[in-house]
Amino acid sequence: PSVSTYSATKHAAFCMTQALRVSLKEQGTLVVSVHPGPIQTDMIIGSDLAKLDPETPEDCAKEIVASIESGDFLCFPDRKSKSLGKAYQPFAQHVFENGNMY
């Protein structure tokens, strides 16, 4: 159940950023959808995810700032999420370009 809840909240956050991106575009507000993998936080330390060599919050923050500066909508701020993002990016781009939001 905990993985299901975690996955559902990740998806909800993604859907919310998609909607905000469209809603706030006209006023010039940049929305960045950040999809982190394991990061060295209290949630990760002591869990099985700590074995995945999580990145520091500072390193992820640098990636998020870089996404803001480049105007990217999708941000995958660590090694694990970047690898998943490469597979997901073409699908997401198709959805955005065709206005087929969830």
PDB file of N, CA and C in Angstrom:
ATOM      1  N   PRO A   1       0.805  -1.222   0.000  1.00  0.00           N
ATOM      2  CA  PRO A   1       0.000   0.000   0.000  1.00  0.00           C
ATOM      3  C   PRO A   1       0.837   1.270   0.000  1.00  0.00           C
ATOM      4  N   SER A   2       1.995   1.282   0.692  1.00  0.00           N
ATOM      5  CA  SER A   2       2.774   2.518   0.754  1.00  0.00           C
ATOM      6  C   SER A   2       3.315   2.899  -0.625  1.00  0.00           C
ATOM      7  N   VAL A   3       3.690   1.917  -1.454  1.00  0.00           N
ATOM      8  CA  VAL A   3       4.172   2.207  -2.802  1.00  0.00           C
ATOM      9  C   VAL A   3       3.028   2.743  -3.648  1.00  0.00           C
ATOM     10  N   SER A   4       1.834   2.200  -3.469  1.00  0.00           N
ATOM     11  CA  SER A   4       0.668   2.679  -4.211  1.00  0.00           C
ATOM     12  C   SER A   4       0.371   4.132  -3.870  1.00  0.00           C
ATOM     13  N   THR A   5       0.392   4.453  -2.602  1.00  0.00           N
ATOM     14  CA  THR A   5       0.127   5.830  -2.175  1.00  0.00           C
ATOM     15  C   THR A   5       1.202   6.767  -2.702  1.00  0.00           C
ATOM     16  N   TYR A   6       2.438   6.356  -2.604  1.00  0.00           N
ATOM     17  CA  TYR A   6       3.545   7.170  -3.099  1.00  0.00           C
ATOM     18  C   TYR A   6       3.400   7.421  -4.598  1.00  0.00           C
ATOM     19  N   SER A   7       3.098   6.374  -5.352  1.00  0.00           N
ATOM     20  CA  SER A   7       2.937   6.507  -6.800  1.00  0.00           C
ATOM     21  C   SER A   7       1.757   7.410  -7.149  1.00  0.00           C
ATOM     22  N   ALA A   8       0.671   7.266  -6.433  1.00  0.00           N
ATOM     23  CA  ALA A   8      -0.516   8.088  -6.693  1.00  0.00           C
ATOM     24  C   ALA A   8      -0.232   9.562  -6.426  1.00  0.00           C
ATOM     25  N   THR A   9       0.506   9.856  -5.373  1.00  0.00           N
ATOM     26  CA  THR A   9       0.801  11.261  -5.083  1.00  0.00           C
ATOM     27  C   THR A   9       1.765  11.843  -6.108  1.00  0.00           C
ATOM     28  N   LYS A  10       2.712  11.037  -6.600  1.00  0.00           N
ATOM     29  CA  LYS A  10       3.616  11.507  -7.668  1.00  0.00           C
ATOM     30  C   LYS A  10       2.805  11.862  -8.913  1.00  0.00           C
ATOM     31  N   HIS A  11       1.876  10.989  -9.273  1.00  0.00           N
ATOM     32  CA  HIS A  11       1.056  11.237 -10.458  1.00  0.00           C
ATOM     33  C   HIS A  11       0.166  12.468 -10.256  1.00  0.00           C
ATOM     34  N   ALA A  12      -0.405  12.609  -9.083  1.00  0.00           N
ATOM     35  CA  ALA A  12      -1.247  13.774  -8.795  1.00  0.00           C
ATOM     36  C   ALA A  12      -0.444  15.067  -8.913  1.00  0.00           C
ATOM     37  N   ALA A  13       0.769  15.061  -8.404  1.00  0.00           N
ATOM     38  CA  ALA A  13       1.616  16.251  -8.502  1.00  0.00           C
ATOM     39  C   ALA A  13       1.934  16.574  -9.961  1.00  0.00           C
ATOM     40  N   PHE A  14       2.192  15.552 -10.760  1.00  0.00           N
ATOM     41  CA  PHE A  14       2.477  15.765 -12.170  1.00  0.00           C
ATOM     42  C   PHE A  14       1.255  16.349 -12.879  1.00  0.00           C
ATOM     43  N   CYS A  15       0.087  15.790 -12.621  1.00  0.00           N
ATOM     44  CA  CYS A  15      -1.139  16.299 -13.248  1.00  0.00           C
ATOM     45  C   CYS A  15      -1.407  17.746 -12.832  1.00  0.00           C
ATOM     46  N   MET A  16      -1.157  18.059 -11.577  1.00  0.00           N
ATOM     47  CA  MET A  16      -1.361  19.429 -11.099  1.00  0.00           C
ATOM     48  C   MET A  16      -0.423  20.396 -11.825  1.00  0.00           C
ATOM     49  N   THR A  17       0.828  20.011 -12.004  1.00  0.00           N
ATOM     50  CA  THR A  17       1.748  20.922 -12.691  1.00  0.00           C
ATOM     51  C   THR A  17       1.374  21.085 -14.160  1.00  0.00           C
ATOM     52  N   GLN A  18       0.837  20.042 -14.780  1.00  0.00           N
ATOM     53  CA  GLN A  18       0.373  20.172 -16.164  1.00  0.00           C
ATOM     54  C   GLN A  18      -0.750  21.203 -16.238  1.00  0.00           C
ATOM     55  N   ALA A  19      -1.710  21.089 -15.329  1.00  0.00           N
ATOM     56  CA  ALA A  19      -2.842  22.023 -15.322  1.00  0.00           C
ATOM     57  C   ALA A  19      -2.386  23.443 -15.018  1.00  0.00           C
ATOM     58  N   LEU A  20      -1.490  23.596 -14.061  1.00  0.00           N
ATOM     59  CA  LEU A  20      -0.982  24.932 -13.726  1.00  0.00           C
ATOM     60  C   LEU A  20      -0.209  25.540 -14.889  1.00  0.00           C
ATOM     61  N   ARG A  21       0.538  24.723 -15.586  1.00  0.00           N
ATOM     62  CA  ARG A  21       1.301  25.203 -16.743  1.00  0.00           C
ATOM     63  C   ARG A  21       0.384  25.860 -17.763  1.00  0.00           C
ATOM     64  N   VAL A  22      -0.721  25.210 -18.050  1.00  0.00           N
ATOM     65  CA  VAL A  22      -1.678  25.747 -19.015  1.00  0.00           C
ATOM     66  C   VAL A  22      -2.391  26.975 -18.442  1.00  0.00           C
ATOM     67  N   SER A  23      -2.834  26.878 -17.200  1.00  0.00           N
ATOM     68  CA  SER A  23      -3.591  27.962 -16.565  1.00  0.00           C
ATOM     69  C   SER A  23      -2.788  29.240 -16.407  1.00  0.00           C
ATOM     70  N   LEU A  24      -1.507  29.114 -16.123  1.00  0.00           N
ATOM     71  CA  LEU A  24      -0.688  30.286 -15.809  1.00  0.00           C
ATOM     72  C   LEU A  24       0.158  30.773 -16.982  1.00  0.00           C
ATOM     73  N   LYS A  25       0.093  30.079 -18.098  1.00  0.00           N
ATOM     74  CA  LYS A  25       0.910  30.443 -19.255  1.00  0.00           C
ATOM     75  C   LYS A  25       0.627  31.863 -19.739  1.00  0.00           C
ATOM     76  N   GLU A  26      -0.645  32.220 -19.816  1.00  0.00           N
ATOM     77  CA  GLU A  26      -1.027  33.529 -20.342  1.00  0.00           C
ATOM     78  C   GLU A  26      -0.445  34.683 -19.536  1.00  0.00           C
ATOM     79  N   GLN A  27      -0.300  34.509 -18.250  1.00  0.00           N
ATOM     80  CA  GLN A  27       0.274  35.578 -17.420  1.00  0.00           C
ATOM     81  C   GLN A  27       1.792  35.524 -17.361  1.00  0.00           C
ATOM     82  N   GLY A  28       2.392  34.546 -18.060  1.00  0.00           N
ATOM     83  CA  GLY A  28       3.845  34.476 -18.143  1.00  0.00           C
ATOM     84  C   GLY A  28       4.514  33.766 -16.983  1.00  0.00           C
ATOM     85  N   THR A  29       3.772  32.990 -16.230  1.00  0.00           N
ATOM     86  CA  THR A  29       4.342  32.262 -15.095  1.00  0.00           C
ATOM     87  C   THR A  29       4.915  30.932 -15.569  1.00  0.00           C
ATOM     88  N   LEU A  30       6.162  30.693 -15.261  1.00  0.00           N
ATOM     89  CA  LEU A  30       6.816  29.431 -15.594  1.00  0.00           C
ATOM     90  C   LEU A  30       6.482  28.402 -14.524  1.00  0.00           C
ATOM     91  N   VAL A  31       6.024  27.256 -14.952  1.00  0.00           N
ATOM     92  CA  VAL A  31       5.776  26.138 -14.042  1.00  0.00           C
ATOM     93  C   VAL A  31       6.772  25.042 -14.392  1.00  0.00           C
ATOM     94  N   VAL A  32       7.457  24.534 -13.390  1.00  0.00           N
ATOM     95  CA  VAL A  32       8.422  23.455 -13.586  1.00  0.00           C
ATOM     96  C   VAL A  32       7.923  22.237 -12.818  1.00  0.00           C
ATOM     97  N   SER A  33       7.812  21.124 -13.513  1.00  0.00           N
ATOM     98  CA  SER A  33       7.362  19.872 -12.915  1.00  0.00           C
ATOM     99  C   SER A  33       8.603  19.064 -12.529  1.00  0.00           C
ATOM    100  N   VAL A  34       8.877  19.001 -11.236  1.00  0.00           N
ATOM    101  CA  VAL A  34      10.094  18.362 -10.728  1.00  0.00           C
ATOM    102  C   VAL A  34       9.776  16.926 -10.309  1.00  0.00           C
ATOM    103  N   HIS A  35      10.573  15.989 -10.837  1.00  0.00           N
ATOM    104  CA  HIS A  35      10.353  14.565 -10.582  1.00  0.00           C
ATOM    105  C   HIS A  35      11.628  13.931 -10.036  1.00  0.00           C
ATOM    106  N   PRO A  36      11.869  14.095  -8.738  1.00  0.00           N
ATOM    107  CA  PRO A  36      13.096  13.550  -8.160  1.00  0.00           C
ATOM    108  C   PRO A  36      13.014  12.045  -7.910  1.00  0.00           C
ATOM    109  N   GLY A  37      14.165  11.439  -7.950  1.00  0.00           N
ATOM    110  CA  GLY A  37      14.313  10.055  -7.514  1.00  0.00           C
ATOM    111  C   GLY A  37      14.757  10.096  -6.065  1.00  0.00           C
ATOM    112  N   PRO A  38      15.554   9.118  -5.655  1.00  0.00           N
ATOM    113  CA  PRO A  38      16.002   9.102  -4.265  1.00  0.00           C
ATOM    114  C   PRO A  38      16.980  10.237  -3.959  1.00  0.00           C
ATOM    115  N   ILE A  39      16.668  10.987  -2.931  1.00  0.00           N
ATOM    116  CA  ILE A  39      17.492  12.112  -2.479  1.00  0.00           C
ATOM    117  C   ILE A  39      17.786  11.874  -0.999  1.00  0.00           C
ATOM    118  N   GLN A  40      18.951  12.268  -0.562  1.00  0.00           N
ATOM    119  CA  GLN A  40      19.362  12.063   0.831  1.00  0.00           C
ATOM    120  C   GLN A  40      18.503  12.907   1.764  1.00  0.00           C
ATOM    121  N   THR A  41      17.376  12.344   2.169  1.00  0.00           N
ATOM    122  CA  THR A  41      16.471  13.003   3.109  1.00  0.00           C
ATOM    123  C   THR A  41      16.157  12.037   4.245  1.00  0.00           C
ATOM    124  N   ASP A  42      15.468  12.534   5.254  1.00  0.00           N
ATOM    125  CA  ASP A  42      15.089  11.666   6.377  1.00  0.00           C
ATOM    126  C   ASP A  42      14.235  10.492   5.913  1.00  0.00           C
ATOM    127  N   MET A  43      13.439  10.697   4.859  1.00  0.00           N
ATOM    128  CA  MET A  43      12.590   9.626   4.353  1.00  0.00           C
ATOM    129  C   MET A  43      13.419   8.481   3.769  1.00  0.00           C
ATOM    130  N   ILE A  44      14.533   8.796   3.166  1.00  0.00           N
ATOM    131  CA  ILE A  44      15.361   7.795   2.479  1.00  0.00           C
ATOM    132  C   ILE A  44      16.330   7.111   3.432  1.00  0.00           C
ATOM    133  N   ILE A  45      16.935   7.890   4.326  1.00  0.00           N
ATOM    134  CA  ILE A  45      17.934   7.342   5.240  1.00  0.00           C
ATOM    135  C   ILE A  45      17.298   6.235   6.089  1.00  0.00           C
ATOM    136  N   GLY A  46      17.925   5.096   6.112  1.00  0.00           N
ATOM    137  CA  GLY A  46      17.414   3.976   6.882  1.00  0.00           C
ATOM    138  C   GLY A  46      16.435   3.096   6.120  1.00  0.00           C
ATOM    139  N   SER A  47      16.130   3.470   4.872  1.00  0.00           N
ATOM    140  CA  SER A  47      15.226   2.643   4.067  1.00  0.00           C
ATOM    141  C   SER A  47      16.037   1.889   3.013  1.00  0.00           C
ATOM    142  N   ASP A  48      15.385   1.009   2.299  1.00  0.00           N
ATOM    143  CA  ASP A  48      16.050   0.270   1.222  1.00  0.00           C
ATOM    144  C   ASP A  48      16.512   1.204   0.108  1.00  0.00           C
ATOM    145  N   LEU A  49      15.858   2.354  -0.032  1.00  0.00           N
ATOM    146  CA  LEU A  49      16.239   3.298  -1.083  1.00  0.00           C
ATOM    147  C   LEU A  49      17.617   3.908  -0.857  1.00  0.00           C
ATOM    148  N   ALA A  50      18.105   3.863   0.367  1.00  0.00           N
ATOM    149  CA  ALA A  50      19.440   4.386   0.655  1.00  0.00           C
ATOM    150  C   ALA A  50      20.511   3.606  -0.095  1.00  0.00           C
ATOM    151  N   LYS A  51      20.203   2.380  -0.481  1.00  0.00           N
ATOM    152  CA  LYS A  51      21.146   1.562  -1.241  1.00  0.00           C
ATOM    153  C   LYS A  51      21.333   2.052  -2.672  1.00  0.00           C
ATOM    154  N   LEU A  52      20.440   2.918  -3.124  1.00  0.00           N
ATOM    155  CA  LEU A  52      20.497   3.418  -4.500  1.00  0.00           C
ATOM    156  C   LEU A  52      21.453   4.596  -4.671  1.00  0.00           C
ATOM    157  N   ASP A  53      22.225   4.891  -3.642  1.00  0.00           N
ATOM    158  CA  ASP A  53      23.182   5.996  -3.694  1.00  0.00           C
ATOM    159  C   ASP A  53      22.470   7.318  -3.994  1.00  0.00           C
ATOM    160  N   PRO A  54      21.565   7.735  -3.099  1.00  0.00           N
ATOM    161  CA  PRO A  54      20.812   8.962  -3.340  1.00  0.00           C
ATOM    162  C   PRO A  54      21.709  10.190  -3.402  1.00  0.00           C
ATOM    163  N   GLU A  55      21.271  11.157  -4.166  1.00  0.00           N
ATOM    164  CA  GLU A  55      22.037  12.396  -4.319  1.00  0.00           C
ATOM    165  C   GLU A  55      21.679  13.386  -3.218  1.00  0.00           C
ATOM    166  N   THR A  56      22.528  14.368  -3.054  1.00  0.00           N
ATOM    167  CA  THR A  56      22.297  15.352  -2.005  1.00  0.00           C
ATOM    168  C   THR A  56      21.195  16.326  -2.422  1.00  0.00           C
ATOM    169  N   PRO A  57      20.494  16.888  -1.449  1.00  0.00           N
ATOM    170  CA  PRO A  57      19.500  17.912  -1.775  1.00  0.00           C
ATOM    171  C   PRO A  57      20.125  19.102  -2.516  1.00  0.00           C
ATOM    172  N   GLU A  58      21.364  19.431  -2.164  1.00  0.00           N
ATOM    173  CA  GLU A  58      22.038  20.558  -2.816  1.00  0.00           C
ATOM    174  C   GLU A  58      22.256  20.304  -4.310  1.00  0.00           C
ATOM    175  N   ASP A  59      22.673  19.078  -4.652  1.00  0.00           N
ATOM    176  CA  ASP A  59      22.872  18.747  -6.069  1.00  0.00           C
ATOM    177  C   ASP A  59      21.558  18.793  -6.836  1.00  0.00           C
ATOM    178  N   CYS A  60      20.500  18.285  -6.220  1.00  0.00           N
ATOM    179  CA  CYS A  60      19.193  18.321  -6.880  1.00  0.00           C
ATOM    180  C   CYS A  60      18.701  19.761  -7.032  1.00  0.00           C
ATOM    181  N   ALA A  61      18.951  20.579  -6.035  1.00  0.00           N
ATOM    182  CA  ALA A  61      18.538  21.983  -6.112  1.00  0.00           C
ATOM    183  C   ALA A  61      19.222  22.688  -7.281  1.00  0.00           C
ATOM    184  N   LYS A  62      20.489  22.385  -7.515  1.00  0.00           N
ATOM    185  CA  LYS A  62      21.204  22.976  -8.657  1.00  0.00           C
ATOM    186  C   LYS A  62      20.532  22.602  -9.976  1.00  0.00           C
ATOM    187  N   GLU A  63      20.103  21.356 -10.090  1.00  0.00           N
ATOM    188  CA  GLU A  63      19.422  20.895 -11.304  1.00  0.00           C
ATOM    189  C   GLU A  63      18.070  21.589 -11.480  1.00  0.00           C
ATOM    190  N   ILE A  64      17.373  21.801 -10.378  1.00  0.00           N
ATOM    191  CA  ILE A  64      16.079  22.483 -10.437  1.00  0.00           C
ATOM    192  C   ILE A  64      16.268  23.931 -10.891  1.00  0.00           C
ATOM    193  N   VAL A  65      17.255  24.593 -10.334  1.00  0.00           N
ATOM    194  CA  VAL A  65      17.544  25.974 -10.739  1.00  0.00           C
ATOM    195  C   VAL A  65      17.910  26.012 -12.224  1.00  0.00           C
ATOM    196  N   ALA A  66      18.690  25.054 -12.684  1.00  0.00           N
ATOM    197  CA  ALA A  66      19.060  25.004 -14.109  1.00  0.00           C
ATOM    198  C   ALA A  66      17.820  24.842 -14.986  1.00  0.00           C
ATOM    199  N   SER A  67      16.858  24.042 -14.550  1.00  0.00           N
ATOM    200  CA  SER A  67      15.612  23.878 -15.309  1.00  0.00           C
ATOM    201  C   SER A  67      14.823  25.180 -15.360  1.00  0.00           C
ATOM    202  N   ILE A  68      14.790  25.887 -14.251  1.00  0.00           N
ATOM    203  CA  ILE A  68      14.099  27.183 -14.219  1.00  0.00           C
ATOM    204  C   ILE A  68      14.776  28.147 -15.181  1.00  0.00           C
ATOM    205  N   GLU A  69      16.094  28.213 -15.106  1.00  0.00           N
ATOM    206  CA  GLU A  69      16.840  29.144 -15.961  1.00  0.00           C
ATOM    207  C   GLU A  69      16.686  28.822 -17.442  1.00  0.00           C
ATOM    208  N   SER A  70      16.536  27.543 -17.779  1.00  0.00           N
ATOM    209  CA  SER A  70      16.398  27.168 -19.192  1.00  0.00           C
ATOM    210  C   SER A  70      14.944  27.144 -19.654  1.00  0.00           C
ATOM    211  N   GLY A  71      14.017  27.301 -18.718  1.00  0.00           N
ATOM    212  CA  GLY A  71      12.604  27.320 -19.074  1.00  0.00           C
ATOM    213  C   GLY A  71      12.005  25.957 -19.339  1.00  0.00           C
ATOM    214  N   ASP A  72      12.660  24.903 -18.872  1.00  0.00           N
ATOM    215  CA  ASP A  72      12.150  23.543 -19.070  1.00  0.00           C
ATOM    216  C   ASP A  72      10.938  23.293 -18.181  1.00  0.00           C
ATOM    217  N   PHE A  73       9.965  22.574 -18.721  1.00  0.00           N
ATOM    218  CA  PHE A  73       8.804  22.193 -17.907  1.00  0.00           C
ATOM    219  C   PHE A  73       9.128  20.978 -17.041  1.00  0.00           C
ATOM    220  N   LEU A  74       9.755  19.977 -17.618  1.00  0.00           N
ATOM    221  CA  LEU A  74      10.085  18.762 -16.873  1.00  0.00           C
ATOM    222  C   LEU A  74      11.499  18.833 -16.320  1.00  0.00           C
ATOM    223  N   CYS A  75      11.639  18.484 -15.059  1.00  0.00           N
ATOM    224  CA  CYS A  75      12.946  18.474 -14.412  1.00  0.00           C
ATOM    225  C   CYS A  75      13.145  17.125 -13.722  1.00  0.00           C
ATOM    226  N   PHE A  76      14.192  16.444 -14.112  1.00  0.00           N
ATOM    227  CA  PHE A  76      14.593  15.184 -13.492  1.00  0.00           C
ATOM    228  C   PHE A  76      15.952  15.451 -12.838  1.00  0.00           C
ATOM    229  N   PRO A  77      15.952  15.798 -11.535  1.00  0.00           N
ATOM    230  CA  PRO A  77      17.150  16.384 -10.915  1.00  0.00           C
ATOM    231  C   PRO A  77      18.225  15.439 -10.387  1.00  0.00           C
ATOM    232  N   ASP A  78      18.116  14.156 -10.649  1.00  0.00           N
ATOM    233  CA  ASP A  78      19.129  13.237 -10.138  1.00  0.00           C
ATOM    234  C   ASP A  78      19.347  12.119 -11.144  1.00  0.00           C
ATOM    235  N   ARG A  79      20.373  11.298 -10.906  1.00  0.00           N
ATOM    236  CA  ARG A  79      20.730  10.231 -11.850  1.00  0.00           C
ATOM    237  C   ARG A  79      19.584   9.256 -12.113  1.00  0.00           C
ATOM    238  N   LYS A  80      18.933   8.809 -11.080  1.00  0.00           N
ATOM    239  CA  LYS A  80      17.862   7.818 -11.223  1.00  0.00           C
ATOM    240  C   LYS A  80      16.692   8.396 -12.020  1.00  0.00           C
ATOM    241  N   SER A  81      16.268   9.585 -11.671  1.00  0.00           N
ATOM    242  CA  SER A  81      15.126  10.163 -12.388  1.00  0.00           C
ATOM    243  C   SER A  81      15.503  10.551 -13.813  1.00  0.00           C
ATOM    244  N   LYS A  82      16.746  10.954 -14.034  1.00  0.00           N
ATOM    245  CA  LYS A  82      17.189  11.275 -15.396  1.00  0.00           C
ATOM    246  C   LYS A  82      17.084  10.051 -16.302  1.00  0.00           C
ATOM    247  N   SER A  83      17.449   8.877 -15.785  1.00  0.00           N
ATOM    248  CA  SER A  83      17.372   7.672 -16.616  1.00  0.00           C
ATOM    249  C   SER A  83      15.915   7.338 -16.947  1.00  0.00           C
ATOM    250  N   LEU A  84      15.033   7.494 -16.004  1.00  0.00           N
ATOM    251  CA  LEU A  84      13.610   7.264 -16.266  1.00  0.00           C
ATOM    252  C   LEU A  84      13.045   8.361 -17.164  1.00  0.00           C
ATOM    253  N   GLY A  85      13.521   9.581 -16.954  1.00  0.00           N
ATOM    254  CA  GLY A  85      13.048  10.715 -17.747  1.00  0.00           C
ATOM    255  C   GLY A  85      13.359  10.579 -19.221  1.00  0.00           C
ATOM    256  N   LYS A  86      14.495   9.991 -19.550  1.00  0.00           N
ATOM    257  CA  LYS A  86      14.854   9.788 -20.963  1.00  0.00           C
ATOM    258  C   LYS A  86      13.817   8.926 -21.677  1.00  0.00           C
ATOM    259  N   ALA A  87      13.309   7.926 -20.979  1.00  0.00           N
ATOM    260  CA  ALA A  87      12.294   7.058 -21.571  1.00  0.00           C
ATOM    261  C   ALA A  87      10.935   7.758 -21.624  1.00  0.00           C
ATOM    262  N   TYR A  88      10.659   8.572 -20.637  1.00  0.00           N
ATOM    263  CA  TYR A  88       9.349   9.225 -20.526  1.00  0.00           C
ATOM    264  C   TYR A  88       9.222  10.488 -21.373  1.00  0.00           C
ATOM    265  N   GLN A  89      10.309  11.200 -21.576  1.00  0.00           N
ATOM    266  CA  GLN A  89      10.298  12.508 -22.239  1.00  0.00           C
ATOM    267  C   GLN A  89       9.578  12.524 -23.587  1.00  0.00           C
ATOM    268  N   PRO A  90       9.826  11.581 -24.506  1.00  0.00           N
ATOM    269  CA  PRO A  90       9.132  11.633 -25.800  1.00  0.00           C
ATOM    270  C   PRO A  90       7.608  11.544 -25.665  1.00  0.00           C
ATOM    271  N   PHE A  91       7.141  10.693 -24.765  1.00  0.00           N
ATOM    272  CA  PHE A  91       5.704  10.585 -24.540  1.00  0.00           C
ATOM    273  C   PHE A  91       5.145  11.894 -23.990  1.00  0.00           C
ATOM    274  N   ALA A  92       5.803  12.434 -22.984  1.00  0.00           N
ATOM    275  CA  ALA A  92       5.331  13.674 -22.368  1.00  0.00           C
ATOM    276  C   ALA A  92       5.304  14.807 -23.382  1.00  0.00           C
ATOM    277  N   GLN A  93       6.326  14.909 -24.199  1.00  0.00           N
ATOM    278  CA  GLN A  93       6.379  15.969 -25.197  1.00  0.00           C
ATOM    279  C   GLN A  93       5.214  15.847 -26.168  1.00  0.00           C
ATOM    280  N   HIS A  94       4.889  14.633 -26.573  1.00  0.00           N
ATOM    281  CA  HIS A  94       3.750  14.399 -27.466  1.00  0.00           C
ATOM    282  C   HIS A  94       2.450  14.872 -26.809  1.00  0.00           C
ATOM    283  N   VAL A  95       2.279  14.551 -25.539  1.00  0.00           N
ATOM    284  CA  VAL A  95       1.076  14.962 -24.813  1.00  0.00           C
ATOM    285  C   VAL A  95       0.987  16.482 -24.758  1.00  0.00           C
ATOM    286  N   PHE A  96       2.090  17.140 -24.432  1.00  0.00           N
ATOM    287  CA  PHE A  96       2.075  18.604 -24.295  1.00  0.00           C
ATOM    288  C   PHE A  96       1.803  19.280 -25.633  1.00  0.00           C
ATOM    289  N   GLU A  97       2.475  18.824 -26.679  1.00  0.00           N
ATOM    290  CA  GLU A  97       2.344  19.460 -27.987  1.00  0.00           C
ATOM    291  C   GLU A  97       0.946  19.300 -28.565  1.00  0.00           C
ATOM    292  N   ASN A  98       0.273  18.222 -28.226  1.00  0.00           N
ATOM    293  CA  ASN A  98      -1.058  17.982 -28.770  1.00  0.00           C
ATOM    294  C   ASN A  98      -2.180  18.392 -27.817  1.00  0.00           C
ATOM    295  N   GLY A  99      -1.811  18.962 -26.693  1.00  0.00           N
ATOM    296  CA  GLY A  99      -2.820  19.441 -25.746  1.00  0.00           C
ATOM    297  C   GLY A  99      -3.659  18.343 -25.115  1.00  0.00           C
ATOM    298  N   ASN A 100      -3.117  17.150 -25.073  1.00  0.00           N
ATOM    299  CA  ASN A 100      -3.861  16.020 -24.507  1.00  0.00           C
ATOM    300  C   ASN A 100      -3.505  15.825 -23.050  1.00  0.00           C
ATOM    301  N   MET A 101      -3.906  16.768 -22.214  1.00  0.00           N
ATOM    302  CA  MET A 101      -3.583  16.633 -20.794  1.00  0.00           C
ATOM    303  C   MET A 101      -4.437  15.537 -20.178  1.00  0.00           C
ATOM    304  N   TYR A 102      -3.921  14.960 -19.116  1.00  0.00           N
ATOM    305  CA  TYR A 102      -4.660  13.910 -18.408  1.00  0.00           C
ATOM    306  C   TYR A 102      -5.885  14.498 -17.760  1.00  0.00           C
TER     307      TYR A 102
END
